[in-house]
């Protein structure tokens, strides 16, 4: 997925100066193993991710890059207990390059695994923000990560 985002970013940088915004939407396969809260088993996930990538150039010469990703039909199974899970959520990032050289990046990830049959559901949350001035001074840096266990 990272290779696809890098390629889309590079393609966006070579857009004609007259272009204001470009959006690319795709669906990509998703597969991952995450540990269950009991620490003994893994939850094997698979499905699709819907990815919307947007590049916007403003008249002053700045750029805004945004990515919106959400699970589509993501299901999981605990490899030990057989408990099934449904995956929902959203990952969103926004990167702003201003003409003055100020840079900001915001990343928000919320992923929920809804258990079936009365088992414990799992919620993962991550928020990251950084703002950097043109001279390299970091004026904001926030990291907030939480998990279910």
C-alpha atoms as a PDB file:
ATOM      1  CA  UNK A   1       0.000   0.000   0.000  1.00  0.00           C
ATOM      2  CA  UNK A   2       2.851   2.416   0.790  1.00  0.00           C
ATOM      3  CA  UNK A   3       4.317   1.883  -2.698  1.00  0.00           C
ATOM      4  CA  UNK A   4       0.976   2.830  -4.220  1.00  0.00           C
ATOM      5  CA  UNK A   5       0.762   5.999  -2.095  1.00  0.00           C
ATOM      6  CA  UNK A   6       4.315   6.997  -3.006  1.00  0.00           C
ATOM      7  CA  UNK A   7       3.599   6.467  -6.710  1.00  0.00           C
ATOM      8  CA  UNK A   8       0.411   8.532  -6.479  1.00  0.00           C
ATOM      9  CA  UNK A   9       2.287  11.318  -4.678  1.00  0.00           C
ATOM     10  CA  UNK A  10       5.005  11.395  -7.326  1.00  0.00           C
ATOM     11  CA  UNK A  11       2.417  11.420 -10.090  1.00  0.00           C
ATOM     12  CA  UNK A  12       0.667  14.325  -8.394  1.00  0.00           C
ATOM     13  CA  UNK A  13       3.863  16.357  -8.286  1.00  0.00           C
ATOM     14  CA  UNK A  14       4.186  16.272 -12.058  1.00  0.00           C
ATOM     15  CA  UNK A  15       0.636  17.458 -12.738  1.00  0.00           C
ATOM     16  CA  UNK A  16       0.318  20.491 -14.983  1.00  0.00           C
ATOM     17  CA  UNK A  17       0.312  23.830 -13.123  1.00  0.00           C
ATOM     18  CA  UNK A  18      -3.303  24.422 -14.151  1.00  0.00           C
ATOM     19  CA  UNK A  19      -4.529  21.359 -12.252  1.00  0.00           C
ATOM     20  CA  UNK A  20      -6.419  22.189  -9.066  1.00  0.00           C
ATOM     21  CA  UNK A  21      -7.303  18.773  -7.680  1.00  0.00           C
ATOM     22  CA  UNK A  22      -6.887  15.146  -8.570  1.00  0.00           C
ATOM     23  CA  UNK A  23      -8.553  12.192  -6.872  1.00  0.00           C
ATOM     24  CA  UNK A  24      -7.740   8.519  -7.268  1.00  0.00           C
ATOM     25  CA  UNK A  25      -9.946   5.786  -5.822  1.00  0.00           C
ATOM     26  CA  UNK A  26      -8.978   2.141  -5.630  1.00  0.00           C
ATOM     27  CA  UNK A  27      -9.706  -1.043  -3.760  1.00  0.00           C
ATOM     28  CA  UNK A  28      -6.780  -3.109  -2.568  1.00  0.00           C
ATOM     29  CA  UNK A  29      -6.577  -6.514  -0.862  1.00  0.00           C
ATOM     30  CA  UNK A  30      -5.934  -6.479   2.873  1.00  0.00           C
ATOM     31  CA  UNK A  31      -4.544  -9.265   5.026  1.00  0.00           C
ATOM     32  CA  UNK A  32      -3.049  -9.006   8.523  1.00  0.00           C
ATOM     33  CA  UNK A  33      -2.667 -10.934  11.753  1.00  0.00           C
ATOM     34  CA  UNK A  34      -3.287  -9.093  15.026  1.00  0.00           C
ATOM     35  CA  UNK A  35      -2.846 -10.493  18.533  1.00  0.00           C
ATOM     36  CA  UNK A  36      -5.955 -11.201  20.552  1.00  0.00           C
ATOM     37  CA  UNK A  37      -6.248  -9.808  24.065  1.00  0.00           C
ATOM     38  CA  UNK A  38      -5.525 -13.152  25.690  1.00  0.00           C
ATOM     39  CA  UNK A  39      -2.010 -13.003  24.224  1.00  0.00           C
ATOM     40  CA  UNK A  40      -2.113 -16.644  23.174  1.00  0.00           C
ATOM     41  CA  UNK A  41      -3.809 -16.443  19.802  1.00  0.00           C
ATOM     42  CA  UNK A  42      -3.867 -14.372  16.646  1.00  0.00           C
ATOM     43  CA  UNK A  43      -6.815 -12.954  14.755  1.00  0.00           C
ATOM     44  CA  UNK A  44      -6.294 -13.527  11.042  1.00  0.00           C
ATOM     45  CA  UNK A  45      -7.924 -10.707   9.037  1.00  0.00           C
ATOM     46  CA  UNK A  46      -8.663 -10.453   5.331  1.00  0.00           C
ATOM     47  CA  UNK A  47     -10.804  -8.352   3.039  1.00  0.00           C
ATOM     48  CA  UNK A  48     -10.480  -5.195   0.985  1.00  0.00           C
ATOM     49  CA  UNK A  49      -9.530  -1.594   1.694  1.00  0.00           C
ATOM     50  CA  UNK A  50     -11.146   1.292  -0.133  1.00  0.00           C
ATOM     51  CA  UNK A  51      -8.490   3.988  -0.654  1.00  0.00           C
ATOM     52  CA  UNK A  52      -9.223   7.539  -1.820  1.00  0.00           C
ATOM     53  CA  UNK A  53      -6.141   9.667  -2.499  1.00  0.00           C
ATOM     54  CA  UNK A  54      -6.532  13.374  -3.262  1.00  0.00           C
ATOM     55  CA  UNK A  55      -4.003  16.028  -4.260  1.00  0.00           C
ATOM     56  CA  UNK A  56      -5.025  19.663  -4.307  1.00  0.00           C
ATOM     57  CA  UNK A  57      -2.840  22.521  -5.516  1.00  0.00           C
ATOM     58  CA  UNK A  58      -3.780  25.975  -4.305  1.00  0.00           C
ATOM     59  CA  UNK A  59      -3.245  29.153  -6.344  1.00  0.00           C
ATOM     60  CA  UNK A  60      -0.489  30.369  -3.974  1.00  0.00           C
ATOM     61  CA  UNK A  61       1.676  27.335  -4.752  1.00  0.00           C
ATOM     62  CA  UNK A  62       0.882  25.070  -1.817  1.00  0.00           C
ATOM     63  CA  UNK A  63      -0.282  21.464  -1.912  1.00  0.00           C
ATOM     64  CA  UNK A  64      -2.635  19.365   0.196  1.00  0.00           C
ATOM     65  CA  UNK A  65      -2.344  15.580   0.051  1.00  0.00           C
ATOM     66  CA  UNK A  66      -5.036  13.490   1.701  1.00  0.00           C
ATOM     67  CA  UNK A  67      -5.701   9.786   2.006  1.00  0.00           C
ATOM     68  CA  UNK A  68      -8.910   8.181   3.233  1.00  0.00           C
ATOM     69  CA  UNK A  69      -8.853   4.412   3.791  1.00  0.00           C
ATOM     70  CA  UNK A  70     -11.594   2.185   5.149  1.00  0.00           C
ATOM     71  CA  UNK A  71     -12.139  -1.560   5.419  1.00  0.00           C
ATOM     72  CA  UNK A  72     -14.649  -3.182   3.090  1.00  0.00           C
ATOM     73  CA  UNK A  73     -15.746  -6.696   3.927  1.00  0.00           C
ATOM     74  CA  UNK A  74     -12.863  -7.210   6.374  1.00  0.00           C
ATOM     75  CA  UNK A  75     -13.446 -10.308   8.453  1.00  0.00           C
ATOM     76  CA  UNK A  76     -11.265 -12.123  10.908  1.00  0.00           C
ATOM     77  CA  UNK A  77     -11.095 -15.357  12.815  1.00  0.00           C
ATOM     78  CA  UNK A  78      -9.311 -16.126  16.063  1.00  0.00           C
ATOM     79  CA  UNK A  79      -7.004 -18.977  15.066  1.00  0.00           C
ATOM     80  CA  UNK A  80      -7.379 -20.689  18.468  1.00  0.00           C
ATOM     81  CA  UNK A  81     -11.005 -20.150  19.515  1.00  0.00           C
ATOM     82  CA  UNK A  82     -12.683 -19.795  16.107  1.00  0.00           C
ATOM     83  CA  UNK A  83     -14.360 -16.531  17.160  1.00  0.00           C
ATOM     84  CA  UNK A  84     -15.210 -14.437  14.127  1.00  0.00           C
ATOM     85  CA  UNK A  85     -14.770 -10.664  13.872  1.00  0.00           C
ATOM     86  CA  UNK A  86     -16.018  -7.956  11.540  1.00  0.00           C
ATOM     87  CA  UNK A  87     -13.585  -5.104  10.839  1.00  0.00           C
ATOM     88  CA  UNK A  88     -14.748  -1.510  10.520  1.00  0.00           C
ATOM     89  CA  UNK A  89     -13.048   1.820  10.849  1.00  0.00           C
ATOM     90  CA  UNK A  90     -11.262   4.628   9.089  1.00  0.00           C
ATOM     91  CA  UNK A  91      -7.732   5.805   8.457  1.00  0.00           C
ATOM     92  CA  UNK A  92      -7.282   9.390   7.357  1.00  0.00           C
ATOM     93  CA  UNK A  93      -4.179  11.453   6.813  1.00  0.00           C
ATOM     94  CA  UNK A  94      -3.716  15.001   5.664  1.00  0.00           C
ATOM     95  CA  UNK A  95      -0.410  16.595   4.653  1.00  0.00           C
ATOM     96  CA  UNK A  96      -0.203  20.312   3.920  1.00  0.00           C
ATOM     97  CA  UNK A  97       2.749  22.037   2.261  1.00  0.00           C
ATOM     98  CA  UNK A  98       2.326  25.822   2.318  1.00  0.00           C
ATOM     99  CA  UNK A  99       4.146  28.147  -0.086  1.00  0.00           C
ATOM    100  CA  UNK A 100       5.920  29.713   2.911  1.00  0.00           C
ATOM    101  CA  UNK A 101       7.540  26.363   3.736  1.00  0.00           C
ATOM    102  CA  UNK A 102       5.328  25.435   6.697  1.00  0.00           C
ATOM    103  CA  UNK A 103       4.497  21.728   6.760  1.00  0.00           C
ATOM    104  CA  UNK A 104       1.825  19.912   8.743  1.00  0.00           C
ATOM    105  CA  UNK A 105       0.847  16.261   8.891  1.00  0.00           C
ATOM    106  CA  UNK A 106      -2.165  14.740  10.635  1.00  0.00           C
ATOM    107  CA  UNK A 107      -2.869  11.003  10.813  1.00  0.00           C
ATOM    108  CA  UNK A 108      -5.988   9.511  12.415  1.00  0.00           C
ATOM    109  CA  UNK A 109      -6.648   5.767  12.545  1.00  0.00           C
ATOM    110  CA  UNK A 110      -9.667   4.124  14.158  1.00  0.00           C
ATOM    111  CA  UNK A 111     -10.089   0.376  13.698  1.00  0.00           C
ATOM    112  CA  UNK A 112     -12.797  -1.685  15.369  1.00  0.00           C
ATOM    113  CA  UNK A 113     -13.001  -5.479  15.400  1.00  0.00           C
ATOM    114  CA  UNK A 114     -16.533  -6.457  16.354  1.00  0.00           C
ATOM    115  CA  UNK A 115     -16.546  -9.923  17.891  1.00  0.00           C
ATOM    116  CA  UNK A 116     -19.412 -12.329  17.430  1.00  0.00           C
ATOM    117  CA  UNK A 117     -20.780 -14.798  19.952  1.00  0.00           C
ATOM    118  CA  UNK A 118     -20.188 -12.633  23.039  1.00  0.00           C
ATOM    119  CA  UNK A 119     -16.386 -12.455  22.756  1.00  0.00           C
ATOM    120  CA  UNK A 120     -14.530  -9.236  23.497  1.00  0.00           C
ATOM    121  CA  UNK A 121     -14.484  -6.673  20.657  1.00  0.00           C
ATOM    122  CA  UNK A 122     -11.285  -4.742  20.037  1.00  0.00           C
ATOM    123  CA  UNK A 123     -10.774  -1.018  19.386  1.00  0.00           C
ATOM    124  CA  UNK A 124      -7.499   0.446  18.117  1.00  0.00           C
ATOM    125  CA  UNK A 125      -6.932   4.200  17.970  1.00  0.00           C
ATOM    126  CA  UNK A 126      -3.998   6.282  16.789  1.00  0.00           C
ATOM    127  CA  UNK A 127      -3.692  10.039  16.296  1.00  0.00           C
ATOM    128  CA  UNK A 128      -0.497  11.792  15.187  1.00  0.00           C
ATOM    129  CA  UNK A 129      -0.017  15.462  14.351  1.00  0.00           C
ATOM    130  CA  UNK A 130       3.100  17.496  13.600  1.00  0.00           C
ATOM    131  CA  UNK A 131       3.589  21.059  12.404  1.00  0.00           C
ATOM    132  CA  UNK A 132       7.004  22.273  11.241  1.00  0.00           C
ATOM    133  CA  UNK A 133       7.912  25.854  10.337  1.00  0.00           C
ATOM    134  CA  UNK A 134      10.015  26.695   7.288  1.00  0.00           C
ATOM    135  CA  UNK A 135      13.139  27.009   9.472  1.00  0.00           C
ATOM    136  CA  UNK A 136      12.650  23.463  10.807  1.00  0.00           C
ATOM    137  CA  UNK A 137      11.169  24.474  14.170  1.00  0.00           C
ATOM    138  CA  UNK A 138       8.575  21.954  15.365  1.00  0.00           C
ATOM    139  CA  UNK A 139       5.639  23.902  16.786  1.00  0.00           C
ATOM    140  CA  UNK A 140       3.270  20.992  17.380  1.00  0.00           C
ATOM    141  CA  UNK A 141       3.851  17.301  17.985  1.00  0.00           C
ATOM    142  CA  UNK A 142       1.070  15.039  19.250  1.00  0.00           C
ATOM    143  CA  UNK A 143       0.973  11.243  19.443  1.00  0.00           C
ATOM    144  CA  UNK A 144      -1.941   9.405  21.056  1.00  0.00           C
ATOM    145  CA  UNK A 145      -2.141   5.633  20.674  1.00  0.00           C
ATOM    146  CA  UNK A 146      -4.461   3.233  22.471  1.00  0.00           C
ATOM    147  CA  UNK A 147      -5.407  -0.398  22.112  1.00  0.00           C
ATOM    148  CA  UNK A 148      -7.847  -2.832  23.608  1.00  0.00           C
ATOM    149  CA  UNK A 149      -5.594  -4.794  25.940  1.00  0.00           C
END
